């Protein structure tokens, strides 16, 4: 929005710079999702008693 750029004294970024920002964000997302997958695969399952029957439920 050119009007807002003048108000806040900002400039547009180049298409390549925008692609770099998006690529860096996607790379970080990928690393964090892989880390989460590994962490959850190594963690023991959580066992909670069921409220109604008293049986144990694996979450």
C-alpha atoms as a PDB file:
ATOM      1  CA  UNK A   1       0.000   0.000   0.000  1.00  0.00           C
ATOM      2  CA  UNK A   2       1.928   3.037  -1.211  1.00  0.00           C
ATOM      3  CA  UNK A   3       0.029   5.391   1.099  1.00  0.00           C
ATOM      4  CA  UNK A   4       1.094   3.418   4.167  1.00  0.00           C
ATOM      5  CA  UNK A   5       4.692   3.193   2.903  1.00  0.00           C
ATOM      6  CA  UNK A   6       4.841   6.979   2.837  1.00  0.00           C
ATOM      7  CA  UNK A   7       3.277   7.207   6.287  1.00  0.00           C
ATOM      8  CA  UNK A   8       5.730   4.762   7.890  1.00  0.00           C
ATOM      9  CA  UNK A   9       8.668   5.631   5.592  1.00  0.00           C
ATOM     10  CA  UNK A  10       9.124   2.047   4.393  1.00  0.00           C
ATOM     11  CA  UNK A  11      10.186   0.642   1.019  1.00  0.00           C
ATOM     12  CA  UNK A  12       9.260  -2.421  -0.996  1.00  0.00           C
ATOM     13  CA  UNK A  13      11.691  -5.322  -0.965  1.00  0.00           C
ATOM     14  CA  UNK A  14      12.944  -7.046  -4.094  1.00  0.00           C
ATOM     15  CA  UNK A  15      11.371 -10.332  -5.207  1.00  0.00           C
ATOM     16  CA  UNK A  16      14.632 -12.201  -4.533  1.00  0.00           C
ATOM     17  CA  UNK A  17      14.846 -10.807  -0.998  1.00  0.00           C
ATOM     18  CA  UNK A  18      11.246 -11.886  -0.369  1.00  0.00           C
ATOM     19  CA  UNK A  19      12.053 -15.376  -1.652  1.00  0.00           C
ATOM     20  CA  UNK A  20      15.060 -15.555   0.687  1.00  0.00           C
ATOM     21  CA  UNK A  21      12.907 -14.576   3.680  1.00  0.00           C
ATOM     22  CA  UNK A  22      10.239 -17.154   2.809  1.00  0.00           C
ATOM     23  CA  UNK A  23      12.871 -19.837   2.156  1.00  0.00           C
ATOM     24  CA  UNK A  24      14.545 -19.183   5.504  1.00  0.00           C
ATOM     25  CA  UNK A  25      11.190 -19.414   7.263  1.00  0.00           C
ATOM     26  CA  UNK A  26      10.328 -22.685   5.538  1.00  0.00           C
ATOM     27  CA  UNK A  27      13.771 -24.124   6.367  1.00  0.00           C
ATOM     28  CA  UNK A  28      13.301 -23.240  10.039  1.00  0.00           C
ATOM     29  CA  UNK A  29       9.818 -24.780  10.036  1.00  0.00           C
ATOM     30  CA  UNK A  30      11.201 -27.990   8.519  1.00  0.00           C
ATOM     31  CA  UNK A  31      13.990 -28.226  11.108  1.00  0.00           C
ATOM     32  CA  UNK A  32      11.562 -27.675  13.998  1.00  0.00           C
ATOM     33  CA  UNK A  33       9.074 -30.246  12.686  1.00  0.00           C
ATOM     34  CA  UNK A  34      11.837 -32.855  12.293  1.00  0.00           C
ATOM     35  CA  UNK A  35      13.037 -32.095  15.825  1.00  0.00           C
ATOM     36  CA  UNK A  36       9.489 -32.492  17.160  1.00  0.00           C
ATOM     37  CA  UNK A  37       9.036 -35.797  15.329  1.00  0.00           C
ATOM     38  CA  UNK A  38      12.290 -37.179  16.755  1.00  0.00           C
ATOM     39  CA  UNK A  39      11.481 -35.931  20.261  1.00  0.00           C
ATOM     40  CA  UNK A  40       8.013 -37.496  20.240  1.00  0.00           C
ATOM     41  CA  UNK A  41       9.291 -40.801  18.868  1.00  0.00           C
ATOM     42  CA  UNK A  42      11.827 -41.066  21.720  1.00  0.00           C
ATOM     43  CA  UNK A  43       9.423 -40.082  24.521  1.00  0.00           C
ATOM     44  CA  UNK A  44       7.627 -42.814  26.468  1.00  0.00           C
ATOM     45  CA  UNK A  45       3.840 -42.916  26.010  1.00  0.00           C
ATOM     46  CA  UNK A  46       1.746 -41.054  28.569  1.00  0.00           C
ATOM     47  CA  UNK A  47      -0.636 -43.303  30.502  1.00  0.00           C
ATOM     48  CA  UNK A  48      -3.666 -41.699  32.158  1.00  0.00           C
ATOM     49  CA  UNK A  49      -6.566 -43.418  33.929  1.00  0.00           C
ATOM     50  CA  UNK A  50      -9.918 -43.100  32.187  1.00  0.00           C
ATOM     51  CA  UNK A  51     -12.434 -41.140  34.192  1.00  0.00           C
ATOM     52  CA  UNK A  52     -15.543 -43.272  33.615  1.00  0.00           C
ATOM     53  CA  UNK A  53     -14.248 -46.888  33.714  1.00  0.00           C
ATOM     54  CA  UNK A  54     -11.055 -46.652  35.731  1.00  0.00           C
ATOM     55  CA  UNK A  55      -9.121 -48.341  32.885  1.00  0.00           C
ATOM     56  CA  UNK A  56      -5.811 -46.957  31.766  1.00  0.00           C
ATOM     57  CA  UNK A  57      -5.621 -45.104  28.479  1.00  0.00           C
ATOM     58  CA  UNK A  58      -2.433 -44.665  26.442  1.00  0.00           C
ATOM     59  CA  UNK A  59      -2.276 -41.184  24.933  1.00  0.00           C
END
